[in-house]
Amino acid sequence: MHKTGDKLNLSAGDLVGHLNCRYLTELDLAVIHGGLAKPRVWDPVLETLAD
């Protein structure tokens, strides 16, 4: 989900996410509008591989 001006651009993944969990859409919208910070993904296995 990306915001361009006043327009929201949705992807197929956004639609699937909404069909599986409407709360996920609410969280995505809160991030887009600045109400929440985008979650940081931390994967220790990926970090080990990078090292």
N, C-alpha and C. Protein backbone atom coordinates (compact mmCIF):
# COMPACT_ATOMS: atom_id res chain seq x y z
N MET A 1 0.85 -1.16 0.00
CA MET A 1 0.00 0.00 0.00
C MET A 1 0.90 1.23 0.00
N HIS A 2 0.68 2.10 -0.98
CA HIS A 2 1.45 3.33 -1.08
C HIS A 2 0.50 4.49 -1.29
N LYS A 3 0.89 5.64 -0.80
CA LYS A 3 0.08 6.84 -0.96
C LYS A 3 0.80 7.78 -1.92
N THR A 4 0.09 8.18 -2.97
CA THR A 4 0.61 9.14 -3.94
C THR A 4 -0.34 10.33 -3.93
N GLY A 5 0.09 11.41 -3.29
CA GLY A 5 -0.82 12.55 -3.14
C GLY A 5 -1.98 12.17 -2.25
N ASP A 6 -3.19 12.27 -2.78
CA ASP A 6 -4.39 11.89 -2.02
C ASP A 6 -4.88 10.50 -2.42
N LYS A 7 -4.15 9.83 -3.29
CA LYS A 7 -4.58 8.55 -3.84
C LYS A 7 -3.82 7.40 -3.19
N LEU A 8 -4.55 6.35 -2.80
CA LEU A 8 -3.94 5.13 -2.27
C LEU A 8 -3.78 4.12 -3.40
N ASN A 9 -2.59 3.58 -3.54
CA ASN A 9 -2.32 2.53 -4.52
C ASN A 9 -2.24 1.21 -3.77
N LEU A 10 -3.13 0.30 -4.12
CA LEU A 10 -3.20 -0.99 -3.45
C LEU A 10 -2.62 -2.08 -4.36
N SER A 11 -2.03 -3.07 -3.74
CA SER A 11 -1.48 -4.20 -4.48
C SER A 11 -2.37 -5.42 -4.28
N ALA A 12 -2.06 -6.47 -5.02
CA ALA A 12 -2.79 -7.73 -4.84
C ALA A 12 -2.57 -8.27 -3.43
N GLY A 13 -1.35 -8.07 -2.91
CA GLY A 13 -1.06 -8.51 -1.55
C GLY A 13 -1.90 -7.78 -0.51
N ASP A 14 -2.20 -6.51 -0.77
CA ASP A 14 -3.07 -5.76 0.14
C ASP A 14 -4.48 -6.34 0.15
N LEU A 15 -4.97 -6.74 -1.03
CA LEU A 15 -6.30 -7.35 -1.12
C LEU A 15 -6.35 -8.68 -0.38
N VAL A 16 -5.34 -9.52 -0.59
CA VAL A 16 -5.29 -10.81 0.10
C VAL A 16 -5.19 -10.61 1.61
N GLY A 17 -4.35 -9.64 2.03
CA GLY A 17 -4.24 -9.34 3.45
C GLY A 17 -5.56 -8.90 4.04
N HIS A 18 -6.32 -8.08 3.29
CA HIS A 18 -7.62 -7.60 3.77
C HIS A 18 -8.62 -8.74 3.88
N LEU A 19 -8.60 -9.64 2.90
CA LEU A 19 -9.53 -10.77 2.94
C LEU A 19 -9.23 -11.70 4.11
N ASN A 20 -7.96 -11.82 4.48
CA ASN A 20 -7.58 -12.70 5.58
C ASN A 20 -7.72 -12.03 6.94
N CYS A 21 -7.50 -10.71 6.99
CA CYS A 21 -7.51 -10.01 8.28
C CYS A 21 -7.78 -8.52 8.05
N ARG A 22 -8.99 -8.10 8.34
CA ARG A 22 -9.34 -6.69 8.12
C ARG A 22 -8.57 -5.76 9.06
N TYR A 23 -8.16 -6.27 10.19
CA TYR A 23 -7.38 -5.46 11.13
C TYR A 23 -6.02 -5.09 10.51
N LEU A 24 -5.47 -5.98 9.69
CA LEU A 24 -4.22 -5.69 8.99
C LEU A 24 -4.37 -4.46 8.11
N THR A 25 -5.51 -4.33 7.45
CA THR A 25 -5.78 -3.15 6.62
C THR A 25 -5.83 -1.89 7.48
N GLU A 26 -6.44 -1.98 8.65
CA GLU A 26 -6.48 -0.83 9.55
C GLU A 26 -5.08 -0.43 9.99
N LEU A 27 -4.23 -1.40 10.27
CA LEU A 27 -2.85 -1.11 10.66
C LEU A 27 -2.08 -0.48 9.50
N ASP A 28 -2.25 -1.01 8.29
CA ASP A 28 -1.60 -0.44 7.11
C ASP A 28 -2.02 1.00 6.89
N LEU A 29 -3.30 1.28 7.04
CA LEU A 29 -3.80 2.65 6.87
C LEU A 29 -3.24 3.58 7.96
N ALA A 30 -3.11 3.07 9.17
CA ALA A 30 -2.55 3.89 10.25
C ALA A 30 -1.09 4.24 9.96
N VAL A 31 -0.35 3.31 9.37
CA VAL A 31 1.04 3.59 8.99
C VAL A 31 1.08 4.62 7.88
N ILE A 32 0.22 4.48 6.88
CA ILE A 32 0.18 5.41 5.76
C ILE A 32 -0.15 6.83 6.23
N HIS A 33 -1.08 6.95 7.17
CA HIS A 33 -1.50 8.27 7.65
C HIS A 33 -0.63 8.81 8.78
N GLY A 34 0.38 8.06 9.19
CA GLY A 34 1.32 8.55 10.19
C GLY A 34 0.94 8.28 11.63
N GLY A 35 -0.10 7.50 11.86
CA GLY A 35 -0.53 7.19 13.22
C GLY A 35 0.33 6.14 13.90
N LEU A 36 0.99 5.31 13.12
CA LEU A 36 1.86 4.25 13.64
C LEU A 36 3.16 4.26 12.85
N ALA A 37 4.21 3.78 13.49
CA ALA A 37 5.48 3.60 12.79
C ALA A 37 5.45 2.25 12.08
N LYS A 38 6.10 2.17 10.93
CA LYS A 38 6.18 0.92 10.20
C LYS A 38 6.99 -0.07 11.01
N PRO A 39 6.47 -1.28 11.21
CA PRO A 39 7.20 -2.26 12.03
C PRO A 39 8.53 -2.62 11.38
N ARG A 40 9.53 -2.83 12.24
CA ARG A 40 10.85 -3.21 11.77
C ARG A 40 10.95 -4.73 11.83
N VAL A 41 11.33 -5.31 10.73
CA VAL A 41 11.46 -6.77 10.67
C VAL A 41 12.86 -7.14 11.11
N TRP A 42 12.95 -8.07 12.06
CA TRP A 42 14.24 -8.53 12.55
C TRP A 42 14.27 -10.03 12.45
N ASP A 43 15.16 -10.52 11.65
CA ASP A 43 15.31 -11.96 11.45
C ASP A 43 16.73 -12.36 11.82
N PRO A 44 16.92 -13.03 12.96
CA PRO A 44 18.28 -13.38 13.39
C PRO A 44 18.99 -14.31 12.42
N VAL A 45 18.27 -15.17 11.71
CA VAL A 45 18.91 -16.07 10.75
C VAL A 45 19.45 -15.26 9.58
N LEU A 46 18.68 -14.31 9.08
CA LEU A 46 19.12 -13.47 8.00
C LEU A 46 20.33 -12.63 8.42
N GLU A 47 20.31 -12.15 9.64
CA GLU A 47 21.43 -11.36 10.17
C GLU A 47 22.70 -12.22 10.23
N THR A 48 22.58 -13.48 10.64
CA THR A 48 23.72 -14.39 10.69
C THR A 48 24.26 -14.66 9.30
N LEU A 49 23.38 -14.85 8.34
CA LEU A 49 23.81 -15.07 6.97
C LEU A 49 24.54 -13.84 6.40
N ALA A 50 24.08 -12.67 6.75
CA ALA A 50 24.71 -11.44 6.27
C ALA A 50 26.13 -11.29 6.85
N ASP A 51 26.31 -11.74 8.10
CA ASP A 51 27.63 -11.66 8.73
C ASP A 51 28.57 -12.63 8.07
